[in-house]
């Protein structure tokens, strides 16, 4: 399992949030997608997309669909292998 975190920041948070929402519209159509959460920090304009994937290949299949989305192009994803989870 893979966890991917994108952090977005910019002067126009509404535009960035719109681009993020556009970018994740197709996420449910990707085999291996598990979960996505868009979060806004309360005291800054930072927005974070937290997502979970079956493996890196599943994530890359989705990342290829994002294409020229400016928010995603400007964000470098952080990838973590999930070692353990509890719910």
PDB file of N, CA and C in Angstrom:
ATOM      1  N   UNK A   1       0.853  -1.170   0.000  1.00  0.00           N
ATOM      2  CA  UNK A   1       0.000   0.000   0.000  1.00  0.00           C
ATOM      3  C   UNK A   1       0.901   1.236   0.000  1.00  0.00           C
ATOM      4  N   UNK A   2       0.424   2.296  -0.663  1.00  0.00           N
ATOM      5  CA  UNK A   2       1.193   3.523  -0.820  1.00  0.00           C
ATOM      6  C   UNK A   2       0.352   4.715  -0.370  1.00  0.00           C
ATOM      7  N   UNK A   3       0.950   5.603   0.402  1.00  0.00           N
ATOM      8  CA  UNK A   3       0.331   6.873   0.771  1.00  0.00           C
ATOM      9  C   UNK A   3       1.058   7.968   0.008  1.00  0.00           C
ATOM     10  N   UNK A   4       0.286   8.884  -0.599  1.00  0.00           N
ATOM     11  CA  UNK A   4       0.869   9.995  -1.350  1.00  0.00           C
ATOM     12  C   UNK A   4       0.305  11.294  -0.793  1.00  0.00           C
ATOM     13  N   UNK A   5       1.196  12.249  -0.538  1.00  0.00           N
ATOM     14  CA  UNK A   5       0.784  13.553  -0.018  1.00  0.00           C
ATOM     15  C   UNK A   5       1.249  14.633  -0.987  1.00  0.00           C
ATOM     16  N   UNK A   6       0.299  15.434  -1.446  1.00  0.00           N
ATOM     17  CA  UNK A   6       0.598  16.622  -2.250  1.00  0.00           C
ATOM     18  C   UNK A   6       0.292  17.836  -1.363  1.00  0.00           C
ATOM     19  N   UNK A   7       1.174  18.810  -1.334  1.00  0.00           N
ATOM     20  CA  UNK A   7       0.922  20.055  -0.615  1.00  0.00           C
ATOM     21  C   UNK A   7       0.898  21.187  -1.636  1.00  0.00           C
ATOM     22  N   UNK A   8      -0.146  21.995  -1.564  1.00  0.00           N
ATOM     23  CA  UNK A   8      -0.352  23.102  -2.501  1.00  0.00           C
ATOM     24  C   UNK A   8      -0.386  24.408  -1.721  1.00  0.00           C
ATOM     25  N   UNK A   9       0.203  25.455  -2.290  1.00  0.00           N
ATOM     26  CA  UNK A   9       0.169  26.764  -1.660  1.00  0.00           C
ATOM     27  C   UNK A   9       0.232  27.807  -2.757  1.00  0.00           C
ATOM     28  N   UNK A  10      -0.515  28.865  -2.576  1.00  0.00           N
ATOM     29  CA  UNK A  10      -0.497  29.948  -3.547  1.00  0.00           C
ATOM     30  C   UNK A  10      -1.417  31.059  -3.106  1.00  0.00           C
ATOM     31  N   UNK A  11      -1.301  32.194  -3.742  1.00  0.00           N
ATOM     32  CA  UNK A  11      -2.100  33.350  -3.327  1.00  0.00           C
ATOM     33  C   UNK A  11      -3.596  33.190  -3.607  1.00  0.00           C
ATOM     34  N   UNK A  12      -3.960  32.339  -4.564  1.00  0.00           N
ATOM     35  CA  UNK A  12      -5.366  32.161  -4.918  1.00  0.00           C
ATOM     36  C   UNK A  12      -5.820  30.754  -4.540  1.00  0.00           C
ATOM     37  N   UNK A  13      -6.161  30.580  -3.272  1.00  0.00           N
ATOM     38  CA  UNK A  13      -6.531  29.253  -2.771  1.00  0.00           C
ATOM     39  C   UNK A  13      -7.761  28.697  -3.476  1.00  0.00           C
ATOM     40  N   UNK A  14      -8.721  29.549  -3.845  1.00  0.00           N
ATOM     41  CA  UNK A  14      -9.925  29.069  -4.532  1.00  0.00           C
ATOM     42  C   UNK A  14      -9.587  28.471  -5.899  1.00  0.00           C
ATOM     43  N   UNK A  15      -8.668  29.107  -6.635  1.00  0.00           N
ATOM     44  CA  UNK A  15      -8.249  28.583  -7.938  1.00  0.00           C
ATOM     45  C   UNK A  15      -7.549  27.238  -7.767  1.00  0.00           C
ATOM     46  N   UNK A  16      -6.648  27.176  -6.784  1.00  0.00           N
ATOM     47  CA  UNK A  16      -5.907  25.937  -6.533  1.00  0.00           C
ATOM     48  C   UNK A  16      -6.863  24.818  -6.134  1.00  0.00           C
ATOM     49  N   UNK A  17      -7.820  25.130  -5.255  1.00  0.00           N
ATOM     50  CA  UNK A  17      -8.784  24.128  -4.827  1.00  0.00           C
ATOM     51  C   UNK A  17      -9.605  23.628  -6.017  1.00  0.00           C
ATOM     52  N   UNK A  18      -9.984  24.526  -6.913  1.00  0.00           N
ATOM     53  CA  UNK A  18     -10.698  24.122  -8.122  1.00  0.00           C
ATOM     54  C   UNK A  18      -9.875  23.191  -8.985  1.00  0.00           C
ATOM     55  N   UNK A  19      -8.585  23.487  -9.131  1.00  0.00           N
ATOM     56  CA  UNK A  19      -7.701  22.629  -9.930  1.00  0.00           C
ATOM     57  C   UNK A  19      -7.523  21.260  -9.276  1.00  0.00           C
ATOM     58  N   UNK A  20      -7.438  21.240  -7.944  1.00  0.00           N
ATOM     59  CA  UNK A  20      -7.310  19.964  -7.228  1.00  0.00           C
ATOM     60  C   UNK A  20      -8.564  19.127  -7.461  1.00  0.00           C
ATOM     61  N   UNK A  21      -9.725  19.750  -7.308  1.00  0.00           N
ATOM     62  CA  UNK A  21     -10.985  19.022  -7.503  1.00  0.00           C
ATOM     63  C   UNK A  21     -11.104  18.495  -8.933  1.00  0.00           C
ATOM     64  N   UNK A  22     -10.679  19.293  -9.896  1.00  0.00           N
ATOM     65  CA  UNK A  22     -10.682  18.835 -11.285  1.00  0.00           C
ATOM     66  C   UNK A  22      -9.733  17.647 -11.444  1.00  0.00           C
ATOM     67  N   UNK A  23      -8.578  17.715 -10.815  1.00  0.00           N
ATOM     68  CA  UNK A  23      -7.587  16.654 -10.929  1.00  0.00           C
ATOM     69  C   UNK A  23      -8.027  15.333 -10.329  1.00  0.00           C
ATOM     70  N   UNK A  24      -8.837  15.377  -9.278  1.00  0.00           N
ATOM     71  CA  UNK A  24      -9.228  14.119  -8.632  1.00  0.00           C
ATOM     72  C   UNK A  24     -10.598  13.595  -9.083  1.00  0.00           C
ATOM     73  N   UNK A  25     -11.220  14.268 -10.043  1.00  0.00           N
ATOM     74  CA  UNK A  25     -12.528  13.802 -10.514  1.00  0.00           C
ATOM     75  C   UNK A  25     -12.490  12.378 -11.064  1.00  0.00           C
ATOM     76  N   UNK A  26     -11.388  11.969 -11.655  1.00  0.00           N
ATOM     77  CA  UNK A  26     -11.316  10.646 -12.272  1.00  0.00           C
ATOM     78  C   UNK A  26     -10.692   9.601 -11.361  1.00  0.00           C
ATOM     79  N   UNK A  27     -10.365   9.971 -10.141  1.00  0.00           N
ATOM     80  CA  UNK A  27      -9.608   9.075  -9.270  1.00  0.00           C
ATOM     81  C   UNK A  27     -10.345   7.751  -9.012  1.00  0.00           C
ATOM     82  N   UNK A  28     -11.659   7.781  -8.903  1.00  0.00           N
ATOM     83  CA  UNK A  28     -12.401   6.550  -8.606  1.00  0.00           C
ATOM     84  C   UNK A  28     -12.388   5.562  -9.768  1.00  0.00           C
ATOM     85  N   UNK A  29     -12.061   6.019 -10.966  1.00  0.00           N
ATOM     86  CA  UNK A  29     -12.008   5.136 -12.125  1.00  0.00           C
ATOM     87  C   UNK A  29     -10.685   4.386 -12.241  1.00  0.00           C
ATOM     88  N   UNK A  30      -9.749   4.677 -11.346  1.00  0.00           N
ATOM     89  CA  UNK A  30      -8.424   4.059 -11.415  1.00  0.00           C
ATOM     90  C   UNK A  30      -8.378   2.820 -10.520  1.00  0.00           C
ATOM     91  N   UNK A  31      -8.062   1.689 -11.110  1.00  0.00           N
ATOM     92  CA  UNK A  31      -7.938   0.462 -10.322  1.00  0.00           C
ATOM     93  C   UNK A  31      -6.757   0.608  -9.361  1.00  0.00           C
ATOM     94  N   UNK A  32      -6.967   0.270  -8.114  1.00  0.00           N
ATOM     95  CA  UNK A  32      -5.923   0.387  -7.100  1.00  0.00           C
ATOM     96  C   UNK A  32      -6.070   1.627  -6.243  1.00  0.00           C
ATOM     97  N   UNK A  33      -7.018   2.510  -6.579  1.00  0.00           N
ATOM     98  CA  UNK A  33      -7.295   3.684  -5.748  1.00  0.00           C
ATOM     99  C   UNK A  33      -8.024   3.233  -4.490  1.00  0.00           C
ATOM    100  N   UNK A  34      -7.618   3.769  -3.341  1.00  0.00           N
ATOM    101  CA  UNK A  34      -8.229   3.392  -2.067  1.00  0.00           C
ATOM    102  C   UNK A  34      -8.961   4.545  -1.390  1.00  0.00           C
ATOM    103  N   UNK A  35      -8.355   5.744  -1.353  1.00  0.00           N
ATOM    104  CA  UNK A  35      -8.890   6.829  -0.530  1.00  0.00           C
ATOM    105  C   UNK A  35      -8.241   8.140  -0.929  1.00  0.00           C
ATOM    106  N   UNK A  36      -9.000   9.237  -0.867  1.00  0.00           N
ATOM    107  CA  UNK A  36      -8.420  10.568  -1.074  1.00  0.00           C
ATOM    108  C   UNK A  36      -9.126  11.550  -0.150  1.00  0.00           C
ATOM    109  N   UNK A  37      -8.365  12.492   0.373  1.00  0.00           N
ATOM    110  CA  UNK A  37      -8.901  13.512   1.263  1.00  0.00           C
ATOM    111  C   UNK A  37      -8.219  14.838   0.943  1.00  0.00           C
ATOM    112  N   UNK A  38      -9.031  15.883   0.686  1.00  0.00           N
ATOM    113  CA  UNK A  38      -8.512  17.224   0.440  1.00  0.00           C
ATOM    114  C   UNK A  38      -8.686  18.002   1.729  1.00  0.00           C
ATOM    115  N   UNK A  39      -7.600  18.611   2.215  1.00  0.00           N
ATOM    116  CA  UNK A  39      -7.603  19.281   3.514  1.00  0.00           C
ATOM    117  C   UNK A  39      -7.010  20.679   3.395  1.00  0.00           C
ATOM    118  N   UNK A  40      -7.614  21.645   4.103  1.00  0.00           N
ATOM    119  CA  UNK A  40      -7.091  23.010   4.125  1.00  0.00           C
ATOM    120  C   UNK A  40      -6.648  23.329   5.540  1.00  0.00           C
ATOM    121  N   UNK A  41      -5.441  23.840   5.659  1.00  0.00           N
ATOM    122  CA  UNK A  41      -4.929  24.221   6.975  1.00  0.00           C
ATOM    123  C   UNK A  41      -5.657  25.473   7.449  1.00  0.00           C
ATOM    124  N   UNK A  42      -6.005  25.530   8.722  1.00  0.00           N
ATOM    125  CA  UNK A  42      -6.853  26.617   9.200  1.00  0.00           C
ATOM    126  C   UNK A  42      -6.190  27.981   9.249  1.00  0.00           C
ATOM    127  N   UNK A  43      -4.923  28.070   9.522  1.00  0.00           N
ATOM    128  CA  UNK A  43      -4.311  29.403   9.682  1.00  0.00           C
ATOM    129  C   UNK A  43      -3.394  29.803   8.528  1.00  0.00           C
ATOM    130  N   UNK A  44      -3.411  29.042   7.436  1.00  0.00           N
ATOM    131  CA  UNK A  44      -2.626  29.398   6.248  1.00  0.00           C
ATOM    132  C   UNK A  44      -3.473  29.093   5.013  1.00  0.00           C
ATOM    133  N   UNK A  45      -2.916  29.318   3.849  1.00  0.00           N
ATOM    134  CA  UNK A  45      -3.624  28.961   2.621  1.00  0.00           C
ATOM    135  C   UNK A  45      -3.171  27.598   2.092  1.00  0.00           C
ATOM    136  N   UNK A  46      -2.436  26.839   2.898  1.00  0.00           N
ATOM    137  CA  UNK A  46      -1.970  25.521   2.466  1.00  0.00           C
ATOM    138  C   UNK A  46      -3.140  24.552   2.298  1.00  0.00           C
ATOM    139  N   UNK A  47      -3.088  23.795   1.209  1.00  0.00           N
ATOM    140  CA  UNK A  47      -4.059  22.740   0.946  1.00  0.00           C
ATOM    141  C   UNK A  47      -3.269  21.459   0.734  1.00  0.00           C
ATOM    142  N   UNK A  48      -3.767  20.351   1.310  1.00  0.00           N
ATOM    143  CA  UNK A  48      -3.074  19.077   1.201  1.00  0.00           C
ATOM    144  C   UNK A  48      -4.034  18.040   0.612  1.00  0.00           C
ATOM    145  N   UNK A  49      -3.526  17.267  -0.322  1.00  0.00           N
ATOM    146  CA  UNK A  49      -4.260  16.111  -0.833  1.00  0.00           C
ATOM    147  C   UNK A  49      -3.558  14.875  -0.300  1.00  0.00           C
ATOM    148  N   UNK A  50      -4.275  14.089   0.469  1.00  0.00           N
ATOM    149  CA  UNK A  50      -3.771  12.853   1.057  1.00  0.00           C
ATOM    150  C   UNK A  50      -4.475  11.722   0.334  1.00  0.00           C
ATOM    151  N   UNK A  51      -3.722  10.810  -0.276  1.00  0.00           N
ATOM    152  CA  UNK A  51      -4.363   9.708  -0.988  1.00  0.00           C
ATOM    153  C   UNK A  51      -3.664   8.388  -0.695  1.00  0.00           C
ATOM    154  N   UNK A  52      -4.426   7.312  -0.858  1.00  0.00           N
ATOM    155  CA  UNK A  52      -3.902   5.961  -0.638  1.00  0.00           C
ATOM    156  C   UNK A  52      -4.143   5.141  -1.893  1.00  0.00           C
ATOM    157  N   UNK A  53      -3.163   4.314  -2.203  1.00  0.00           N
ATOM    158  CA  UNK A  53      -3.167   3.514  -3.429  1.00  0.00           C
ATOM    159  C   UNK A  53      -2.700   2.103  -3.124  1.00  0.00           C
ATOM    160  N   UNK A  54      -3.147   1.166  -3.933  1.00  0.00           N
ATOM    161  CA  UNK A  54      -2.716  -0.226  -3.780  1.00  0.00           C
ATOM    162  C   UNK A  54      -1.197  -0.334  -3.949  1.00  0.00           C
ATOM    163  N   UNK A  55      -0.651   0.385  -4.940  1.00  0.00           N
ATOM    164  CA  UNK A  55       0.789   0.372  -5.181  1.00  0.00           C
ATOM    165  C   UNK A  55       1.159   1.587  -6.023  1.00  0.00           C
ATOM    166  N   UNK A  56       2.429   1.742  -6.283  1.00  0.00           N
ATOM    167  CA  UNK A  56       2.919   2.903  -7.040  1.00  0.00           C
ATOM    168  C   UNK A  56       2.378   2.911  -8.471  1.00  0.00           C
ATOM    169  N   UNK A  57       2.229   1.755  -9.049  1.00  0.00           N
ATOM    170  CA  UNK A  57       1.711   1.660 -10.411  1.00  0.00           C
ATOM    171  C   UNK A  57       0.295   2.230 -10.497  1.00  0.00           C
ATOM    172  N   UNK A  58      -0.552   1.946  -9.506  1.00  0.00           N
ATOM    173  CA  UNK A  58      -1.910   2.490  -9.483  1.00  0.00           C
ATOM    174  C   UNK A  58      -1.863   4.012  -9.383  1.00  0.00           C
ATOM    175  N   UNK A  59      -1.009   4.534  -8.507  1.00  0.00           N
ATOM    176  CA  UNK A  59      -0.877   5.987  -8.378  1.00  0.00           C
ATOM    177  C   UNK A  59      -0.419   6.604  -9.701  1.00  0.00           C
ATOM    178  N   UNK A  60       0.587   6.014 -10.333  1.00  0.00           N
ATOM    179  CA  UNK A  60       1.114   6.564 -11.576  1.00  0.00           C
ATOM    180  C   UNK A  60       0.085   6.516 -12.705  1.00  0.00           C
ATOM    181  N   UNK A  61      -0.795   5.507 -12.692  1.00  0.00           N
ATOM    182  CA  UNK A  61      -1.867   5.454 -13.684  1.00  0.00           C
ATOM    183  C   UNK A  61      -2.766   6.669 -13.545  1.00  0.00           C
ATOM    184  N   UNK A  62      -3.070   7.059 -12.311  1.00  0.00           N
ATOM    185  CA  UNK A  62      -3.882   8.249 -12.086  1.00  0.00           C
ATOM    186  C   UNK A  62      -3.087   9.517 -12.401  1.00  0.00           C
ATOM    187  N   UNK A  63      -1.842   9.599 -11.949  1.00  0.00           N
ATOM    188  CA  UNK A  63      -1.026  10.795 -12.163  1.00  0.00           C
ATOM    189  C   UNK A  63      -0.908  11.107 -13.653  1.00  0.00           C
ATOM    190  N   UNK A  64      -0.887  10.087 -14.486  1.00  0.00           N
ATOM    191  CA  UNK A  64      -0.829  10.305 -15.934  1.00  0.00           C
ATOM    192  C   UNK A  64      -2.088  10.989 -16.459  1.00  0.00           C
ATOM    193  N   UNK A  65      -3.225  10.837 -15.762  1.00  0.00           N
ATOM    194  CA  UNK A  65      -4.474  11.461 -16.209  1.00  0.00           C
ATOM    195  C   UNK A  65      -4.552  12.930 -15.817  1.00  0.00           C
ATOM    196  N   UNK A  66      -3.735  13.371 -14.871  1.00  0.00           N
ATOM    197  CA  UNK A  66      -3.793  14.755 -14.392  1.00  0.00           C
ATOM    198  C   UNK A  66      -3.225  15.708 -15.438  1.00  0.00           C
ATOM    199  N   UNK A  67      -2.272  15.242 -16.203  1.00  0.00           N
ATOM    200  CA  UNK A  67      -1.744  16.000 -17.333  1.00  0.00           C
ATOM    201  C   UNK A  67      -1.185  17.364 -17.000  1.00  0.00           C
ATOM    202  N   UNK A  68      -1.748  18.389 -17.605  1.00  0.00           N
ATOM    203  CA  UNK A  68      -1.224  19.747 -17.500  1.00  0.00           C
ATOM    204  C   UNK A  68      -1.867  20.564 -16.374  1.00  0.00           C
ATOM    205  N   UNK A  69      -2.517  19.915 -15.439  1.00  0.00           N
ATOM    206  CA  UNK A  69      -3.135  20.615 -14.306  1.00  0.00           C
ATOM    207  C   UNK A  69      -2.059  21.395 -13.560  1.00  0.00           C
ATOM    208  N   UNK A  70      -2.178  22.725 -13.518  1.00  0.00           N
ATOM    209  CA  UNK A  70      -1.128  23.580 -12.957  1.00  0.00           C
ATOM    210  C   UNK A  70      -0.859  23.305 -11.484  1.00  0.00           C
ATOM    211  N   UNK A  71      -1.892  23.046 -10.708  1.00  0.00           N
ATOM    212  CA  UNK A  71      -1.685  22.783  -9.277  1.00  0.00           C
ATOM    213  C   UNK A  71      -0.817  21.540  -9.092  1.00  0.00           C
ATOM    214  N   UNK A  72      -1.129  20.468  -9.800  1.00  0.00           N
ATOM    215  CA  UNK A  72      -0.363  19.235  -9.648  1.00  0.00           C
ATOM    216  C   UNK A  72       1.029  19.341 -10.255  1.00  0.00           C
ATOM    217  N   UNK A  73       1.172  20.104 -11.342  1.00  0.00           N
ATOM    218  CA  UNK A  73       2.491  20.292 -11.950  1.00  0.00           C
ATOM    219  C   UNK A  73       3.436  21.007 -10.990  1.00  0.00           C
ATOM    220  N   UNK A  74       2.886  21.900 -10.151  1.00  0.00           N
ATOM    221  CA  UNK A  74       3.735  22.683  -9.243  1.00  0.00           C
ATOM    222  C   UNK A  74       3.974  21.981  -7.914  1.00  0.00           C
ATOM    223  N   UNK A  75       3.336  20.853  -7.687  1.00  0.00           N
ATOM    224  CA  UNK A  75       3.461  20.145  -6.416  1.00  0.00           C
ATOM    225  C   UNK A  75       4.259  18.864  -6.601  1.00  0.00           C
ATOM    226  N   UNK A  76       5.235  18.661  -5.738  1.00  0.00           N
ATOM    227  CA  UNK A  76       6.016  17.432  -5.771  1.00  0.00           C
ATOM    228  C   UNK A  76       5.429  16.458  -4.753  1.00  0.00           C
ATOM    229  N   UNK A  77       4.920  15.312  -5.205  1.00  0.00           N
ATOM    230  CA  UNK A  77       4.305  14.382  -4.261  1.00  0.00           C
ATOM    231  C   UNK A  77       5.339  13.718  -3.359  1.00  0.00           C
ATOM    232  N   UNK A  78       4.928  13.507  -2.123  1.00  0.00           N
ATOM    233  CA  UNK A  78       5.721  12.732  -1.178  1.00  0.00           C
ATOM    234  C   UNK A  78       5.073  11.356  -1.107  1.00  0.00           C
ATOM    235  N   UNK A  79       5.876  10.305  -1.254  1.00  0.00           N
ATOM    236  CA  UNK A  79       5.333   8.947  -1.278  1.00  0.00           C
ATOM    237  C   UNK A  79       5.880   8.151  -0.098  1.00  0.00           C
ATOM    238  N   UNK A  80       4.964   7.431   0.544  1.00  0.00           N
ATOM    239  CA  UNK A  80       5.318   6.627   1.712  1.00  0.00           C
ATOM    240  C   UNK A  80       4.745   5.228   1.553  1.00  0.00           C
ATOM    241  N   UNK A  81       5.548   4.232   1.833  1.00  0.00           N
ATOM    242  CA  UNK A  81       5.059   2.863   1.870  1.00  0.00           C
ATOM    243  C   UNK A  81       4.361   2.672   3.213  1.00  0.00           C
ATOM    244  N   UNK A  82       3.148   2.153   3.171  1.00  0.00           N
ATOM    245  CA  UNK A  82       2.392   1.931   4.408  1.00  0.00           C
ATOM    246  C   UNK A  82       2.929   0.674   5.077  1.00  0.00           C
ATOM    247  N   UNK A  83       3.376   0.829   6.310  1.00  0.00           N
ATOM    248  CA  UNK A  83       3.892  -0.310   7.054  1.00  0.00           C
ATOM    249  C   UNK A  83       2.830  -0.943   7.941  1.00  0.00           C
ATOM    250  N   UNK A  84       1.931  -0.120   8.460  1.00  0.00           N
ATOM    251  CA  UNK A  84       0.883  -0.610   9.337  1.00  0.00           C
ATOM    252  C   UNK A  84      -0.237   0.402   9.405  1.00  0.00           C
ATOM    253  N   UNK A  85      -1.475  -0.076   9.508  1.00  0.00           N
ATOM    254  CA  UNK A  85      -2.633   0.821   9.651  1.00  0.00           C
ATOM    255  C   UNK A  85      -3.586   0.252  10.695  1.00  0.00           C
ATOM    256  N   UNK A  86      -4.273   1.145  11.366  1.00  0.00           N
ATOM    257  CA  UNK A  86      -5.323   0.761  12.317  1.00  0.00           C
ATOM    258  C   UNK A  86      -6.509   1.687  12.087  1.00  0.00           C
ATOM    259  N   UNK A  87      -7.704   1.146  12.211  1.00  0.00           N
ATOM    260  CA  UNK A  87      -8.917   1.924  12.020  1.00  0.00           C
ATOM    261  C   UNK A  87      -9.809   1.793  13.234  1.00  0.00           C
TER     262      UNK A  87
END
